[in-house]
Amino acid sequence: MKRIQQMRFGGRTIASDLHDPDMMKLAEAYGVEGRRVKSPAELKATLLEVFKRNEPVLIEAPVGPMPPVNFKTRAQAQR
């Protein structure tokens, strides 16, 4: 997303070669359980299960490519 925004404002990119972290390793590093879901049904079942607990659980739910966001300044939005 940062790459797209930068290309729209000047046609060059700076420090936008970012990669998603391994969320399961991140959960492990913080000492919490990590779950990866692959469908809305799996997400629902996982949420129903983990809401019954009294402990944090990190849930990774990949969503695929996101559409570009059109950011406006406050002044632009009020016009």
N, C-alpha and C. Protein backbone atom coordinates (compact mmCIF):
# COMPACT_ATOMS: atom_id res chain seq x y z
N MET A 1 0.83 -1.18 0.00
CA MET A 1 0.00 0.00 0.00
C MET A 1 0.88 1.25 0.00
N LYS A 2 1.94 1.22 0.80
CA LYS A 2 2.84 2.37 0.81
C LYS A 2 3.46 2.57 -0.56
N ARG A 3 3.83 1.50 -1.21
CA ARG A 3 4.43 1.59 -2.54
C ARG A 3 3.46 2.27 -3.51
N ILE A 4 2.20 1.89 -3.49
CA ILE A 4 1.19 2.47 -4.38
C ILE A 4 1.04 3.96 -4.09
N GLN A 5 0.97 4.32 -2.80
CA GLN A 5 0.83 5.73 -2.44
C GLN A 5 2.02 6.54 -2.92
N GLN A 6 3.21 6.00 -2.73
CA GLN A 6 4.40 6.72 -3.15
C GLN A 6 4.46 6.87 -4.66
N MET A 7 4.07 5.86 -5.40
CA MET A 7 4.08 5.95 -6.87
C MET A 7 3.09 7.01 -7.35
N ARG A 8 1.98 7.17 -6.63
CA ARG A 8 0.98 8.17 -7.02
C ARG A 8 1.47 9.59 -6.74
N PHE A 9 2.39 9.74 -5.81
CA PHE A 9 2.89 11.06 -5.44
C PHE A 9 4.38 11.17 -5.79
N GLY A 10 4.67 11.19 -7.06
CA GLY A 10 6.04 11.43 -7.47
C GLY A 10 6.67 10.32 -8.27
N GLY A 11 6.08 9.15 -8.30
CA GLY A 11 6.59 8.08 -9.13
C GLY A 11 7.86 7.40 -8.65
N ARG A 12 8.19 7.56 -7.39
CA ARG A 12 9.36 6.87 -6.85
C ARG A 12 8.99 6.28 -5.50
N THR A 13 9.76 5.29 -5.09
CA THR A 13 9.48 4.65 -3.80
C THR A 13 10.70 4.75 -2.89
N ILE A 14 10.43 4.86 -1.61
CA ILE A 14 11.47 4.93 -0.60
C ILE A 14 11.05 4.03 0.56
N ALA A 15 11.89 3.06 0.88
CA ALA A 15 11.67 2.18 2.04
C ALA A 15 10.28 1.55 2.04
N SER A 16 9.82 1.10 0.89
CA SER A 16 8.49 0.50 0.82
C SER A 16 8.52 -0.98 0.47
N ASP A 17 9.70 -1.58 0.47
CA ASP A 17 9.81 -3.02 0.23
C ASP A 17 9.63 -3.77 1.55
N LEU A 18 8.42 -3.73 2.06
CA LEU A 18 8.11 -4.32 3.35
C LEU A 18 7.53 -5.72 3.15
N HIS A 19 7.78 -6.58 4.10
CA HIS A 19 7.26 -7.94 4.04
C HIS A 19 6.46 -8.22 5.30
N ASP A 20 5.42 -9.02 5.16
CA ASP A 20 4.61 -9.37 6.31
C ASP A 20 5.41 -10.24 7.27
N PRO A 21 5.29 -9.99 8.56
CA PRO A 21 6.00 -10.83 9.52
C PRO A 21 5.33 -12.20 9.64
N ASP A 22 6.05 -13.17 10.14
CA ASP A 22 5.48 -14.48 10.44
C ASP A 22 4.70 -14.31 11.75
N MET A 23 3.40 -14.24 11.63
CA MET A 23 2.56 -13.94 12.79
C MET A 23 2.59 -15.04 13.83
N MET A 24 2.78 -16.29 13.42
CA MET A 24 2.85 -17.38 14.38
C MET A 24 4.14 -17.28 15.21
N LYS A 25 5.23 -16.88 14.58
CA LYS A 25 6.47 -16.67 15.33
C LYS A 25 6.34 -15.46 16.25
N LEU A 26 5.61 -14.44 15.79
CA LEU A 26 5.39 -13.27 16.62
C LEU A 26 4.59 -13.65 17.87
N ALA A 27 3.55 -14.44 17.69
CA ALA A 27 2.75 -14.90 18.84
C ALA A 27 3.64 -15.68 19.80
N GLU A 28 4.46 -16.57 19.26
CA GLU A 28 5.35 -17.36 20.10
C GLU A 28 6.33 -16.47 20.86
N ALA A 29 6.86 -15.47 20.18
CA ALA A 29 7.81 -14.55 20.83
C ALA A 29 7.18 -13.81 22.00
N TYR A 30 5.88 -13.55 21.93
CA TYR A 30 5.19 -12.86 23.01
C TYR A 30 4.54 -13.82 24.01
N GLY A 31 4.72 -15.12 23.78
CA GLY A 31 4.21 -16.11 24.72
C GLY A 31 2.71 -16.31 24.66
N VAL A 32 2.11 -16.07 23.50
CA VAL A 32 0.67 -16.30 23.35
C VAL A 32 0.44 -17.33 22.25
N GLU A 33 -0.73 -17.92 22.28
CA GLU A 33 -1.09 -18.88 21.23
C GLU A 33 -1.36 -18.13 19.93
N GLY A 34 -0.94 -18.70 18.82
CA GLY A 34 -1.23 -18.13 17.51
C GLY A 34 -2.07 -19.09 16.70
N ARG A 35 -3.06 -18.55 16.02
CA ARG A 35 -3.92 -19.35 15.14
C ARG A 35 -3.96 -18.72 13.77
N ARG A 36 -3.92 -19.54 12.74
CA ARG A 36 -4.04 -19.06 11.36
C ARG A 36 -5.33 -19.63 10.79
N VAL A 37 -6.20 -18.77 10.29
CA VAL A 37 -7.46 -19.23 9.69
C VAL A 37 -7.43 -18.92 8.20
N LYS A 38 -8.18 -19.69 7.43
CA LYS A 38 -8.14 -19.55 5.97
C LYS A 38 -9.49 -19.25 5.34
N SER A 39 -10.53 -19.18 6.16
CA SER A 39 -11.86 -18.90 5.59
C SER A 39 -12.70 -18.16 6.63
N PRO A 40 -13.75 -17.49 6.19
CA PRO A 40 -14.64 -16.83 7.14
C PRO A 40 -15.25 -17.81 8.15
N ALA A 41 -15.59 -19.01 7.70
CA ALA A 41 -16.18 -20.00 8.61
C ALA A 41 -15.16 -20.42 9.68
N GLU A 42 -13.92 -20.60 9.26
CA GLU A 42 -12.86 -20.97 10.21
C GLU A 42 -12.60 -19.83 11.19
N LEU A 43 -12.66 -18.59 10.71
CA LEU A 43 -12.49 -17.44 11.59
C LEU A 43 -13.60 -17.39 12.63
N LYS A 44 -14.82 -17.60 12.20
CA LYS A 44 -15.96 -17.57 13.13
C LYS A 44 -15.81 -18.63 14.21
N ALA A 45 -15.48 -19.85 13.81
CA ALA A 45 -15.31 -20.94 14.78
C ALA A 45 -14.17 -20.63 15.75
N THR A 46 -13.08 -20.10 15.24
CA THR A 46 -11.94 -19.77 16.09
C THR A 46 -12.30 -18.67 17.07
N LEU A 47 -12.98 -17.64 16.59
CA LEU A 47 -13.40 -16.55 17.48
C LEU A 47 -14.32 -17.05 18.58
N LEU A 48 -15.28 -17.88 18.23
CA LEU A 48 -16.20 -18.41 19.25
C LEU A 48 -15.44 -19.21 20.30
N GLU A 49 -14.43 -19.94 19.86
CA GLU A 49 -13.64 -20.73 20.80
C GLU A 49 -12.77 -19.86 21.70
N VAL A 50 -12.04 -18.92 21.12
CA VAL A 50 -11.08 -18.15 21.92
C VAL A 50 -11.74 -17.08 22.79
N PHE A 51 -12.94 -16.64 22.43
CA PHE A 51 -13.64 -15.66 23.29
C PHE A 51 -14.00 -16.27 24.64
N LYS A 52 -14.05 -17.59 24.73
CA LYS A 52 -14.38 -18.26 26.00
C LYS A 52 -13.19 -18.27 26.96
N ARG A 53 -12.02 -17.94 26.46
CA ARG A 53 -10.80 -17.97 27.27
C ARG A 53 -10.55 -16.63 27.96
N ASN A 54 -9.72 -16.69 28.93
CA ASN A 54 -9.32 -15.46 29.62
C ASN A 54 -7.83 -15.21 29.37
N GLU A 55 -7.44 -15.31 28.11
CA GLU A 55 -6.04 -15.12 27.73
C GLU A 55 -5.98 -14.62 26.29
N PRO A 56 -4.93 -13.91 25.95
CA PRO A 56 -4.81 -13.41 24.57
C PRO A 56 -4.48 -14.54 23.59
N VAL A 57 -5.01 -14.40 22.39
CA VAL A 57 -4.72 -15.31 21.28
C VAL A 57 -4.57 -14.44 20.04
N LEU A 58 -3.49 -14.62 19.31
CA LEU A 58 -3.29 -13.88 18.07
C LEU A 58 -3.90 -14.70 16.93
N ILE A 59 -4.78 -14.09 16.15
CA ILE A 59 -5.42 -14.78 15.03
C ILE A 59 -4.99 -14.09 13.74
N GLU A 60 -4.40 -14.87 12.85
CA GLU A 60 -4.00 -14.36 11.54
C GLU A 60 -5.07 -14.77 10.54
N ALA A 61 -5.63 -13.78 9.85
CA ALA A 61 -6.66 -14.03 8.85
C ALA A 61 -6.28 -13.30 7.57
N PRO A 62 -5.53 -13.95 6.68
CA PRO A 62 -5.11 -13.29 5.44
C PRO A 62 -6.32 -12.83 4.62
N VAL A 63 -6.21 -11.64 4.04
CA VAL A 63 -7.32 -11.08 3.27
C VAL A 63 -6.99 -10.84 1.80
N GLY A 64 -5.73 -11.04 1.40
CA GLY A 64 -5.36 -10.82 0.00
C GLY A 64 -5.11 -9.36 -0.29
N PRO A 65 -4.90 -9.04 -1.55
CA PRO A 65 -4.60 -7.65 -1.93
C PRO A 65 -5.76 -6.72 -1.57
N MET A 66 -5.41 -5.55 -1.09
CA MET A 66 -6.41 -4.56 -0.72
C MET A 66 -6.42 -3.45 -1.77
N PRO A 67 -7.59 -2.86 -2.03
CA PRO A 67 -7.65 -1.77 -3.00
C PRO A 67 -6.92 -0.54 -2.47
N PRO A 68 -6.43 0.30 -3.36
CA PRO A 68 -5.76 1.52 -2.91
C PRO A 68 -6.72 2.41 -2.13
N VAL A 69 -6.18 3.10 -1.16
CA VAL A 69 -6.97 4.01 -0.34
C VAL A 69 -6.72 5.42 -0.83
N ASN A 70 -7.78 6.20 -0.96
CA ASN A 70 -7.66 7.58 -1.40
C ASN A 70 -7.62 8.47 -0.15
N PHE A 71 -6.41 8.79 0.31
CA PHE A 71 -6.27 9.63 1.49
C PHE A 71 -6.45 11.09 1.12
N LYS A 72 -7.28 11.76 1.90
CA LYS A 72 -7.52 13.18 1.68
C LYS A 72 -7.13 13.94 2.94
N THR A 73 -6.70 15.15 2.74
CA THR A 73 -6.44 16.00 3.90
C THR A 73 -7.78 16.44 4.48
N ARG A 74 -7.77 16.94 5.69
CA ARG A 74 -9.01 17.39 6.32
C ARG A 74 -9.66 18.48 5.46
N ALA A 75 -8.85 19.39 4.91
CA ALA A 75 -9.39 20.47 4.08
C ALA A 75 -10.06 19.92 2.83
N GLN A 76 -9.45 18.92 2.19
CA GLN A 76 -10.04 18.31 1.00
C GLN A 76 -11.36 17.62 1.32
N ALA A 77 -11.42 16.95 2.47
CA ALA A 77 -12.61 16.21 2.85
C ALA A 77 -13.78 17.15 3.15
N GLN A 78 -13.50 18.38 3.58
CA GLN A 78 -14.57 19.31 3.95
C GLN A 78 -15.13 20.07 2.75
N ARG A 79 -14.50 19.93 1.61
CA ARG A 79 -14.99 20.66 0.43
C ARG A 79 -16.24 20.06 -0.11
